[in-house]
PDB file of N, CA and C in Angstrom:
ATOM      1  N   MET A   1       0.820  -1.194   0.000  1.00  0.00           N
ATOM      2  CA  MET A   1       0.000   0.000   0.000  1.00  0.00           C
ATOM      3  C   MET A   1       0.860   1.251   0.000  1.00  0.00           C
ATOM      4  N   ARG A   2       1.974   1.211   0.691  1.00  0.00           N
ATOM      5  CA  ARG A   2       2.863   2.362   0.770  1.00  0.00           C
ATOM      6  C   ARG A   2       3.506   2.657  -0.590  1.00  0.00           C
ATOM      7  N   LYS A   3       3.803   1.606  -1.374  1.00  0.00           N
ATOM      8  CA  LYS A   3       4.400   1.788  -2.706  1.00  0.00           C
ATOM      9  C   LYS A   3       3.432   2.496  -3.644  1.00  0.00           C
ATOM     10  N   ILE A   4       2.155   2.149  -3.552  1.00  0.00           N
ATOM     11  CA  ILE A   4       1.150   2.786  -4.407  1.00  0.00           C
ATOM     12  C   ILE A   4       1.049   4.270  -4.071  1.00  0.00           C
ATOM     13  N   GLY A   5       1.062   4.599  -2.793  1.00  0.00           N
ATOM     14  CA  GLY A   5       1.016   5.998  -2.375  1.00  0.00           C
ATOM     15  C   GLY A   5       2.226   6.774  -2.852  1.00  0.00           C
ATOM     16  N   THR A   6       3.413   6.152  -2.790  1.00  0.00           N
ATOM     17  CA  THR A   6       4.635   6.805  -3.258  1.00  0.00           C
ATOM     18  C   THR A   6       4.583   7.035  -4.762  1.00  0.00           C
ATOM     19  N   VAL A   7       4.129   6.030  -5.509  1.00  0.00           N
ATOM     20  CA  VAL A   7       4.022   6.156  -6.966  1.00  0.00           C
ATOM     21  C   VAL A   7       3.032   7.252  -7.325  1.00  0.00           C
ATOM     22  N   LEU A   8       1.894   7.286  -6.651  1.00  0.00           N
ATOM     23  CA  LEU A   8       0.898   8.337  -6.919  1.00  0.00           C
ATOM     24  C   LEU A   8       1.433   9.721  -6.579  1.00  0.00           C
ATOM     25  N   LEU A   9       2.176   9.837  -5.504  1.00  0.00           N
ATOM     26  CA  LEU A   9       2.756  11.126  -5.120  1.00  0.00           C
ATOM     27  C   LEU A   9       3.759  11.599  -6.164  1.00  0.00           C
ATOM     28  N   VAL A  10       4.625  10.722  -6.623  1.00  0.00           N
ATOM     29  CA  VAL A  10       5.609  11.075  -7.649  1.00  0.00           C
ATOM     30  C   VAL A  10       4.902  11.464  -8.945  1.00  0.00           C
ATOM     31  N   LEU A  11       3.890  10.710  -9.332  1.00  0.00           N
ATOM     32  CA  LEU A  11       3.121  11.028 -10.532  1.00  0.00           C
ATOM     33  C   LEU A  11       2.448  12.394 -10.402  1.00  0.00           C
ATOM     34  N   PHE A  12       1.886  12.668  -9.245  1.00  0.00           N
ATOM     35  CA  PHE A  12       1.242  13.947  -8.992  1.00  0.00           C
ATOM     36  C   PHE A  12       2.253  15.096  -9.068  1.00  0.00           C
ATOM     37  N   ILE A  13       3.429  14.905  -8.524  1.00  0.00           N
ATOM     38  CA  ILE A  13       4.471  15.939  -8.540  1.00  0.00           C
ATOM     39  C   ILE A  13       4.909  16.233  -9.972  1.00  0.00           C
ATOM     40  N   PHE A  14       5.161  15.189 -10.771  1.00  0.00           N
ATOM     41  CA  PHE A  14       5.592  15.405 -12.153  1.00  0.00           C
ATOM     42  C   PHE A  14       4.502  16.055 -12.995  1.00  0.00           C
ATOM     43  N   THR A  15       3.258  15.683 -12.754  1.00  0.00           N
ATOM     44  CA  THR A  15       2.150  16.317 -13.466  1.00  0.00           C
ATOM     45  C   THR A  15       2.062  17.792 -13.089  1.00  0.00           C
ATOM     46  N   GLY A  16       2.222  18.097 -11.822  1.00  0.00           N
ATOM     47  CA  GLY A  16       2.190  19.487 -11.364  1.00  0.00           C
ATOM     48  C   GLY A  16       3.323  20.311 -11.936  1.00  0.00           C
ATOM     49  N   ILE A  17       4.511  19.718 -12.018  1.00  0.00           N
ATOM     50  CA  ILE A  17       5.659  20.426 -12.600  1.00  0.00           C
ATOM     51  C   ILE A  17       5.400  20.731 -14.063  1.00  0.00           C
ATOM     52  N   GLY A  18       4.877  19.762 -14.802  1.00  0.00           N
ATOM     53  CA  GLY A  18       4.573  19.977 -16.225  1.00  0.00           C
ATOM     54  C   GLY A  18       3.538  21.063 -16.428  1.00  0.00           C
ATOM     55  N   PHE A  19       2.469  21.012 -15.648  1.00  0.00           N
ATOM     56  CA  PHE A  19       1.413  22.018 -15.748  1.00  0.00           C
ATOM     57  C   PHE A  19       1.943  23.401 -15.386  1.00  0.00           C
ATOM     58  N   SER A  20       2.745  23.478 -14.339  1.00  0.00           N
ATOM     59  CA  SER A  20       3.315  24.763 -13.912  1.00  0.00           C
ATOM     60  C   SER A  20       4.225  25.348 -14.976  1.00  0.00           C
ATOM     61  N   TYR A  21       5.020  24.499 -15.640  1.00  0.00           N
ATOM     62  CA  TYR A  21       5.911  24.978 -16.692  1.00  0.00           C
ATOM     63  C   TYR A  21       5.113  25.568 -17.846  1.00  0.00           C
ATOM     64  N   ILE A  22       4.046  24.902 -18.237  1.00  0.00           N
ATOM     65  CA  ILE A  22       3.211  25.393 -19.340  1.00  0.00           C
ATOM     66  C   ILE A  22       2.594  26.740 -18.966  1.00  0.00           C
ATOM     67  N   GLN A  23       2.060  26.861 -17.768  1.00  0.00           N
ATOM     68  CA  GLN A  23       1.466  28.122 -17.328  1.00  0.00           C
ATOM     69  C   GLN A  23       2.507  29.236 -17.257  1.00  0.00           C
ATOM     70  N   TYR A  24       3.704  28.912 -16.803  1.00  0.00           N
ATOM     71  CA  TYR A  24       4.784  29.892 -16.730  1.00  0.00           C
ATOM     72  C   TYR A  24       5.145  30.399 -18.129  1.00  0.00           C
ATOM     73  N   LYS A  25       5.316  29.496 -19.084  1.00  0.00           N
ATOM     74  CA  LYS A  25       5.694  29.901 -20.444  1.00  0.00           C
ATOM     75  C   LYS A  25       4.619  30.787 -21.066  1.00  0.00           C
ATOM     76  N   LYS A  26       3.354  30.402 -20.928  1.00  0.00           N
ATOM     77  CA  LYS A  26       2.272  31.195 -21.504  1.00  0.00           C
ATOM     78  C   LYS A  26       2.212  32.577 -20.862  1.00  0.00           C
ATOM     79  N   SER A  27       2.348  32.644 -19.559  1.00  0.00           N
ATOM     80  CA  SER A  27       2.309  33.917 -18.847  1.00  0.00           C
ATOM     81  C   SER A  27       3.500  34.802 -19.222  1.00  0.00           C
ATOM     82  N   ASN A  28       4.662  34.205 -19.335  1.00  0.00           N
ATOM     83  CA  ASN A  28       5.874  34.937 -19.694  1.00  0.00           C
ATOM     84  C   ASN A  28       5.739  35.564 -21.084  1.00  0.00           C
ATOM     85  N   VAL A  29       5.250  34.813 -22.042  1.00  0.00           N
ATOM     86  CA  VAL A  29       5.086  35.332 -23.399  1.00  0.00           C
ATOM     87  C   VAL A  29       4.029  36.432 -23.418  1.00  0.00           C
ATOM     88  N   GLU A  30       2.927  36.228 -22.709  1.00  0.00           N
ATOM     89  CA  GLU A  30       1.871  37.244 -22.670  1.00  0.00           C
ATOM     90  C   GLU A  30       2.393  38.551 -22.060  1.00  0.00           C
ATOM     91  N   ASP A  31       3.118  38.470 -20.970  1.00  0.00           N
ATOM     92  CA  ASP A  31       3.678  39.670 -20.337  1.00  0.00           C
ATOM     93  C   ASP A  31       4.652  40.381 -21.268  1.00  0.00           C
ATOM     94  N   SER A  32       5.475  39.615 -21.972  1.00  0.00           N
ATOM     95  CA  SER A  32       6.446  40.209 -22.897  1.00  0.00           C
ATOM     96  C   SER A  32       5.756  40.903 -24.065  1.00  0.00           C
ATOM     97  N   VAL A  33       4.707  40.288 -24.595  1.00  0.00           N
ATOM     98  CA  VAL A  33       3.980  40.890 -25.721  1.00  0.00           C
ATOM     99  C   VAL A  33       3.286  42.173 -25.277  1.00  0.00           C
ATOM    100  N   ILE A  34       2.646  42.156 -24.129  1.00  0.00           N
ATOM    101  CA  ILE A  34       1.958  43.366 -23.639  1.00  0.00           C
ATOM    102  C   ILE A  34       2.972  44.474 -23.371  1.00  0.00           C
ATOM    103  N   GLU A  35       4.103  44.137 -22.785  1.00  0.00           N
ATOM    104  CA  GLU A  35       5.147  45.134 -22.552  1.00  0.00           C
ATOM    105  C   GLU A  35       5.669  45.698 -23.873  1.00  0.00           C
ATOM    106  N   TYR A  36       5.860  44.849 -24.868  1.00  0.00           N
ATOM    107  CA  TYR A  36       6.315  45.282 -26.198  1.00  0.00           C
ATOM    108  C   TYR A  36       5.307  46.238 -26.826  1.00  0.00           C
ATOM    109  N   LEU A  37       4.032  45.891 -26.767  1.00  0.00           N
ATOM    110  CA  LEU A  37       3.003  46.736 -27.378  1.00  0.00           C
ATOM    111  C   LEU A  37       2.894  48.087 -26.684  1.00  0.00           C
ATOM    112  N   THR A  38       3.033  48.114 -25.369  1.00  0.00           N
ATOM    113  CA  THR A  38       2.892  49.375 -24.647  1.00  0.00           C
ATOM    114  C   THR A  38       4.142  50.246 -24.751  1.00  0.00           C
ATOM    115  N   THR A  39       5.318  49.651 -24.843  1.00  0.00           N
ATOM    116  CA  THR A  39       6.544  50.459 -24.888  1.00  0.00           C
ATOM    117  C   THR A  39       7.012  50.725 -26.315  1.00  0.00           C
ATOM    118  N   GLU A  40       7.071  49.698 -27.141  1.00  0.00           N
ATOM    119  CA  GLU A  40       7.617  49.859 -28.493  1.00  0.00           C
ATOM    120  C   GLU A  40       6.591  50.406 -29.480  1.00  0.00           C
ATOM    121  N   LYS A  41       5.361  49.961 -29.373  1.00  0.00           N
ATOM    122  CA  LYS A  41       4.312  50.367 -30.318  1.00  0.00           C
ATOM    123  C   LYS A  41       3.423  51.472 -29.769  1.00  0.00           C
ATOM    124  N   ASN A  42       3.671  51.897 -28.527  1.00  0.00           N
ATOM    125  CA  ASN A  42       2.916  52.979 -27.881  1.00  0.00           C
ATOM    126  C   ASN A  42       1.401  52.753 -27.899  1.00  0.00           C
ATOM    127  N   ILE A  43       0.996  51.530 -27.603  1.00  0.00           N
ATOM    128  CA  ILE A  43      -0.420  51.191 -27.502  1.00  0.00           C
ATOM    129  C   ILE A  43      -0.778  51.167 -26.023  1.00  0.00           C
ATOM    130  N   SER A  44      -1.811  51.884 -25.674  1.00  0.00           N
ATOM    131  CA  SER A  44      -2.250  51.946 -24.284  1.00  0.00           C
ATOM    132  C   SER A  44      -2.834  50.592 -23.865  1.00  0.00           C
ATOM    133  N   LYS A  45      -2.640  50.237 -22.597  1.00  0.00           N
ATOM    134  CA  LYS A  45      -3.226  48.995 -22.089  1.00  0.00           C
ATOM    135  C   LYS A  45      -4.754  49.036 -22.175  1.00  0.00           C
ATOM    136  N   ASP A  46      -5.326  50.237 -22.138  1.00  0.00           N
ATOM    137  CA  ASP A  46      -6.770  50.376 -22.254  1.00  0.00           C
ATOM    138  C   ASP A  46      -7.270  50.007 -23.643  1.00  0.00           C
ATOM    139  N   ASN A  47      -6.401  50.099 -24.652  1.00  0.00           N
ATOM    140  CA  ASN A  47      -6.780  49.764 -26.020  1.00  0.00           C
ATOM    141  C   ASN A  47      -6.683  48.274 -26.317  1.00  0.00           C
ATOM    142  N   ILE A  48      -6.117  47.507 -25.415  1.00  0.00           N
ATOM    143  CA  ILE A  48      -6.020  46.064 -25.604  1.00  0.00           C
ATOM    144  C   ILE A  48      -7.280  45.431 -25.014  1.00  0.00           C
ATOM    145  N   ILE A  49      -8.131  44.929 -25.895  1.00  0.00           N
ATOM    146  CA  ILE A  49      -9.388  44.314 -25.461  1.00  0.00           C
ATOM    147  C   ILE A  49      -9.120  42.956 -24.838  1.00  0.00           C
ATOM    148  N   SER A  50      -8.306  42.152 -25.514  1.00  0.00           N
ATOM    149  CA  SER A  50      -8.018  40.824 -24.979  1.00  0.00           C
ATOM    150  C   SER A  50      -6.621  40.379 -25.381  1.00  0.00           C
ATOM    151  N   SER A  51      -6.031  39.590 -24.513  1.00  0.00           N
ATOM    152  CA  SER A  51      -4.764  38.928 -24.805  1.00  0.00           C
ATOM    153  C   SER A  51      -4.891  37.503 -24.291  1.00  0.00           C
ATOM    154  N   GLU A  52      -4.704  36.561 -25.178  1.00  0.00           N
ATOM    155  CA  GLU A  52      -4.910  35.156 -24.829  1.00  0.00           C
ATOM    156  C   GLU A  52      -3.690  34.330 -25.215  1.00  0.00           C
ATOM    157  N   PRO A  53      -2.901  33.889 -24.228  1.00  0.00           N
ATOM    158  CA  PRO A  53      -1.764  33.022 -24.548  1.00  0.00           C
ATOM    159  C   PRO A  53      -2.251  31.605 -24.848  1.00  0.00           C
ATOM    160  N   PHE A  54      -1.566  30.938 -25.778  1.00  0.00           N
ATOM    161  CA  PHE A  54      -1.960  29.572 -26.129  1.00  0.00           C
ATOM    162  C   PHE A  54      -0.773  28.811 -26.703  1.00  0.00           C
ATOM    163  N   ILE A  55      -0.944  27.503 -26.791  1.00  0.00           N
ATOM    164  CA  ILE A  55       0.063  26.639 -27.405  1.00  0.00           C
ATOM    165  C   ILE A  55      -0.349  26.445 -28.853  1.00  0.00           C
ATOM    166  N   ALA A  56       0.533  26.825 -29.794  1.00  0.00           N
ATOM    167  CA  ALA A  56       0.184  26.851 -31.206  1.00  0.00           C
ATOM    168  C   ALA A  56       0.537  25.576 -31.959  1.00  0.00           C
ATOM    169  N   ASN A  57       1.259  24.652 -31.334  1.00  0.00           N
ATOM    170  CA  ASN A  57       1.694  23.429 -31.995  1.00  0.00           C
ATOM    171  C   ASN A  57       2.543  23.712 -33.242  1.00  0.00           C
ATOM    172  N   LEU A  58       3.379  24.730 -33.138  1.00  0.00           N
ATOM    173  CA  LEU A  58       4.350  25.045 -34.182  1.00  0.00           C
ATOM    174  C   LEU A  58       5.732  24.740 -33.629  1.00  0.00           C
ATOM    175  N   GLU A  59       6.732  24.860 -34.460  1.00  0.00           N
ATOM    176  CA  GLU A  59       8.084  24.511 -34.021  1.00  0.00           C
ATOM    177  C   GLU A  59       8.749  25.640 -33.252  1.00  0.00           C
ATOM    178  N   GLY A  60       9.604  25.264 -32.345  1.00  0.00           N
ATOM    179  CA  GLY A  60      10.429  26.219 -31.604  1.00  0.00           C
ATOM    180  C   GLY A  60       9.633  27.185 -30.762  1.00  0.00           C
ATOM    181  N   ASN A  61      10.090  28.437 -30.767  1.00  0.00           N
ATOM    182  CA  ASN A  61       9.455  29.467 -29.949  1.00  0.00           C
ATOM    183  C   ASN A  61       8.072  29.858 -30.448  1.00  0.00           C
ATOM    184  N   LYS A  62       7.750  29.531 -31.699  1.00  0.00           N
ATOM    185  CA  LYS A  62       6.418  29.842 -32.225  1.00  0.00           C
ATOM    186  C   LYS A  62       5.343  28.997 -31.559  1.00  0.00           C
ATOM    187  N   ASN A  63       5.754  28.012 -30.798  1.00  0.00           N
ATOM    188  CA  ASN A  63       4.795  27.162 -30.099  1.00  0.00           C
ATOM    189  C   ASN A  63       4.035  27.936 -29.034  1.00  0.00           C
ATOM    190  N   TRP A  64       4.667  28.934 -28.447  1.00  0.00           N
ATOM    191  CA  TRP A  64       4.055  29.737 -27.379  1.00  0.00           C
ATOM    192  C   TRP A  64       3.643  31.080 -27.964  1.00  0.00           C
ATOM    193  N   MET A  65       2.352  31.268 -28.217  1.00  0.00           N
ATOM    194  CA  MET A  65       1.875  32.475 -28.878  1.00  0.00           C
ATOM    195  C   MET A  65       0.822  33.179 -28.040  1.00  0.00           C
ATOM    196  N   VAL A  66       0.554  34.443 -28.422  1.00  0.00           N
ATOM    197  CA  VAL A  66      -0.462  35.257 -27.764  1.00  0.00           C
ATOM    198  C   VAL A  66      -1.309  35.907 -28.853  1.00  0.00           C
ATOM    199  N   SER A  67      -2.628  35.797 -28.717  1.00  0.00           N
ATOM    200  CA  SER A  67      -3.515  36.506 -29.641  1.00  0.00           C
ATOM    201  C   SER A  67      -3.927  37.817 -28.974  1.00  0.00           C
ATOM    202  N   ILE A  68      -3.928  38.874 -29.772  1.00  0.00           N
ATOM    203  CA  ILE A  68      -4.219  40.224 -29.270  1.00  0.00           C
ATOM    204  C   ILE A  68      -5.353  40.830 -30.091  1.00  0.00           C
ATOM    205  N   LYS A  69      -6.357  41.357 -29.396  1.00  0.00           N
ATOM    206  CA  LYS A  69      -7.431  42.131 -30.014  1.00  0.00           C
ATOM    207  C   LYS A  69      -7.347  43.551 -29.480  1.00  0.00           C
ATOM    208  N   LEU A  70      -7.448  44.544 -30.398  1.00  0.00           N
ATOM    209  CA  LEU A  70      -7.378  45.949 -30.022  1.00  0.00           C
ATOM    210  C   LEU A  70      -8.711  46.639 -30.283  1.00  0.00           C
ATOM    211  N   LYS A  71      -8.975  47.705 -29.532  1.00  0.00           N
ATOM    212  CA  LYS A  71     -10.171  48.518 -29.751  1.00  0.00           C
ATOM    213  C   LYS A  71     -10.109  49.121 -31.147  1.00  0.00           C
ATOM    214  N   ASN A  72     -11.272  49.235 -31.767  1.00  0.00           N
ATOM    215  CA  ASN A  72     -11.418  49.869 -33.081  1.00  0.00           C
ATOM    216  C   ASN A  72     -10.526  49.229 -34.142  1.00  0.00           C
ATOM    217  N   ASP A  73     -10.245  47.941 -34.012  1.00  0.00           N
ATOM    218  CA  ASP A  73      -9.441  47.210 -34.988  1.00  0.00           C
ATOM    219  C   ASP A  73     -10.040  45.816 -35.115  1.00  0.00           C
ATOM    220  N   ASP A  74     -10.474  45.462 -36.324  1.00  0.00           N
ATOM    221  CA  ASP A  74     -11.115  44.171 -36.540  1.00  0.00           C
ATOM    222  C   ASP A  74     -10.114  43.021 -36.628  1.00  0.00           C
ATOM    223  N   ARG A  75      -8.847  43.331 -36.696  1.00  0.00           N
ATOM    224  CA  ARG A  75      -7.832  42.290 -36.834  1.00  0.00           C
ATOM    225  C   ARG A  75      -7.558  41.610 -35.494  1.00  0.00           C
ATOM    226  N   THR A  76      -7.112  40.361 -35.573  1.00  0.00           N
ATOM    227  CA  THR A  76      -6.567  39.634 -34.429  1.00  0.00           C
ATOM    228  C   THR A  76      -5.104  39.380 -34.743  1.00  0.00           C
ATOM    229  N   TYR A  77      -4.224  39.827 -33.860  1.00  0.00           N
ATOM    230  CA  TYR A  77      -2.788  39.713 -34.074  1.00  0.00           C
ATOM    231  C   TYR A  77      -2.229  38.550 -33.257  1.00  0.00           C
ATOM    232  N   TYR A  78      -1.252  37.847 -33.835  1.00  0.00           N
ATOM    233  CA  TYR A  78      -0.621  36.711 -33.160  1.00  0.00           C
ATOM    234  C   TYR A  78       0.879  36.973 -33.035  1.00  0.00           C
ATOM    235  N   TYR A  79       1.339  37.022 -31.796  1.00  0.00           N
ATOM    236  CA  TYR A  79       2.743  37.303 -31.495  1.00  0.00           C
ATOM    237  C   TYR A  79       3.384  36.115 -30.794  1.00  0.00           C
ATOM    238  N   TYR A  80       4.701  36.005 -30.948  1.00  0.00           N
ATOM    239  CA  TYR A  80       5.480  35.056 -30.163  1.00  0.00           C
ATOM    240  C   TYR A  80       6.783  35.721 -29.757  1.00  0.00           C
ATOM    241  N   LYS A  81       7.469  35.110 -28.826  1.00  0.00           N
ATOM    242  CA  LYS A  81       8.718  35.666 -28.311  1.00  0.00           C
ATOM    243  C   LYS A  81       9.863  34.779 -28.778  1.00  0.00           C
ATOM    244  N   ASN A  82      10.813  35.380 -29.487  1.00  0.00           N
ATOM    245  CA  ASN A  82      11.993  34.668 -29.960  1.00  0.00           C
ATOM    246  C   ASN A  82      13.203  35.245 -29.238  1.00  0.00           C
ATOM    247  N   LYS A  83      13.726  34.489 -28.299  1.00  0.00           N
ATOM    248  CA  LYS A  83      14.794  34.942 -27.401  1.00  0.00           C
ATOM    249  C   LYS A  83      14.279  36.154 -26.644  1.00  0.00           C
ATOM    250  N   ASN A  84      14.834  37.343 -26.829  1.00  0.00           N
ATOM    251  CA  ASN A  84      14.355  38.535 -26.119  1.00  0.00           C
ATOM    252  C   ASN A  84      13.598  39.472 -27.038  1.00  0.00           C
ATOM    253  N   GLU A  85      13.141  38.973 -28.165  1.00  0.00           N
ATOM    254  CA  GLU A  85      12.476  39.807 -29.161  1.00  0.00           C
ATOM    255  C   GLU A  85      11.047  39.308 -29.378  1.00  0.00           C
ATOM    256  N   VAL A  86      10.089  40.227 -29.394  1.00  0.00           N
ATOM    257  CA  VAL A  86       8.697  39.881 -29.680  1.00  0.00           C
ATOM    258  C   VAL A  86       8.468  40.048 -31.171  1.00  0.00           C
ATOM    259  N   VAL A  87       7.851  39.032 -31.790  1.00  0.00           N
ATOM    260  CA  VAL A  87       7.684  38.999 -33.241  1.00  0.00           C
ATOM    261  C   VAL A  87       6.204  38.831 -33.579  1.00  0.00           C
ATOM    262  N   LEU A  88       5.732  39.628 -34.551  1.00  0.00           N
ATOM    263  CA  LEU A  88       4.380  39.461 -35.080  1.00  0.00           C
ATOM    264  C   LEU A  88       4.427  38.301 -36.068  1.00  0.00           C
ATOM    265  N   GLU A  89       3.718  37.215 -35.763  1.00  0.00           N
ATOM    266  CA  GLU A  89       3.728  36.041 -36.626  1.00  0.00           C
ATOM    267  C   GLU A  89       2.705  36.186 -37.740  1.00  0.00           C
ATOM    268  N   SER A  90       1.499  36.645 -37.395  1.00  0.00           N
ATOM    269  CA  SER A  90       0.444  36.806 -38.394  1.00  0.00           C
ATOM    270  C   SER A  90      -0.687  37.636 -37.810  1.00  0.00           C
ATOM    271  N   TYR A  91      -1.631  37.979 -38.674  1.00  0.00           N
ATOM    272  CA  TYR A  91      -2.865  38.602 -38.207  1.00  0.00           C
ATOM    273  C   TYR A  91      -4.004  38.097 -39.082  1.00  0.00           C
ATOM    274  N   VAL A  92      -5.198  38.131 -38.528  1.00  0.00           N
ATOM    275  CA  VAL A  92      -6.389  37.680 -39.238  1.00  0.00           C
ATOM    276  C   VAL A  92      -7.293  38.881 -39.444  1.00  0.00           C
ATOM    277  N   GLU A  93      -7.676  39.083 -40.701  1.00  0.00           N
ATOM    278  CA  GLU A  93      -8.568  40.188 -41.046  1.00  0.00           C
ATOM    279  C   GLU A  93      -9.663  39.650 -41.954  1.00  0.00           C
ATOM    280  N   ASN A  94     -10.911  39.841 -41.556  1.00  0.00           N
ATOM    281  CA  ASN A  94     -12.064  39.345 -42.293  1.00  0.00           C
ATOM    282  C   ASN A  94     -11.980  37.853 -42.580  1.00  0.00           C
ATOM    283  N   GLY A  95     -11.455  37.103 -41.620  1.00  0.00           N
ATOM    284  CA  GLY A  95     -11.370  35.655 -41.768  1.00  0.00           C
ATOM    285  C   GLY A  95     -10.202  35.162 -42.607  1.00  0.00           C
ATOM    286  N   VAL A  96      -9.351  36.085 -43.073  1.00  0.00           N
ATOM    287  CA  VAL A  96      -8.196  35.710 -43.904  1.00  0.00           C
ATOM    288  C   VAL A  96      -6.922  35.931 -43.098  1.00  0.00           C
ATOM    289  N   GLU A  97      -6.089  34.894 -43.038  1.00  0.00           N
ATOM    290  CA  GLU A  97      -4.834  34.994 -42.298  1.00  0.00           C
ATOM    291  C   GLU A  97      -3.737  35.570 -43.179  1.00  0.00           C
ATOM    292  N   HIS A  98      -3.031  36.551 -42.638  1.00  0.00           N
ATOM    293  CA  HIS A  98      -1.903  37.176 -43.322  1.00  0.00           C
ATOM    294  C   HIS A  98      -0.637  36.869 -42.520  1.00  0.00           C
ATOM    295  N   VAL A  99       0.212  36.006 -43.050  1.00  0.00           N
ATOM    296  CA  VAL A  99       1.430  35.597 -42.340  1.00  0.00           C
ATOM    297  C   VAL A  99       2.549  36.551 -42.688  1.00  0.00           C
ATOM    298  N   GLN A 100       3.292  36.973 -41.668  1.00  0.00           N
ATOM    299  CA  GLN A 100       4.399  37.913 -41.868  1.00  0.00           C
ATOM    300  C   GLN A 100       5.653  37.198 -42.304  1.00  0.00           C
TER     301      GLN A 100
END
């Protein structure tokens, strides 16, 4: 009985570590993109309607992306962080994706 408890505890710990890493990466990319938009592009935080970090299932750093919606703009922008640089990967306008 003690072995089963130990195995379950180890499994729980590894699952928690994996989940925490994913949440950390998504949060880190989202914070970097918002900071980039407010400092480099001079967009007010009030103009950002939504920012949603997600896993894109792409290779490398493009796997961790953030979708951004702005006030008075019908486009949805998709950014990722490559090393210390935030990059616009694509945007969607009227249902059509425009890849940069």
